[in-house]
Amino acid sequence: MQPTSIQVREFKARLSHYLALAGKGQPLRIRAHSTVIAQVTGVPAESPDRLSNWLLSGAATWSGGKPAGVAQRLSAGAGELAGQVLDDRG
């Protein structure tokens, strides 16, 4: 698609219009006098990430709240944390 070339003044005056065009895939070249100073392009639609795919497929659920955390607590004075982790791993 051929970029649309516009002056800074016009871009500022009709910003919402030009951002909508860029969002639809129309590249824009912003000019100050006869020099191109910027190019505006839309952001491609994102594909859902893995977590979103799990949520959409029903493999995972989320109520929207904070995670509750783990019920198991490390005991104080049981040695170094690294040693406890290694013991826990077996």
Foldseek 3Di string as FASTA:
>chain_A
DDAAEDEPVVCVVPVVVVLVVQQVFHKYFYDHPNHGDDIGHHDDDDDDDPVVVCCVVVVDDDPPDDDPDDPDDDDPPPDDPVVVVVVVVD
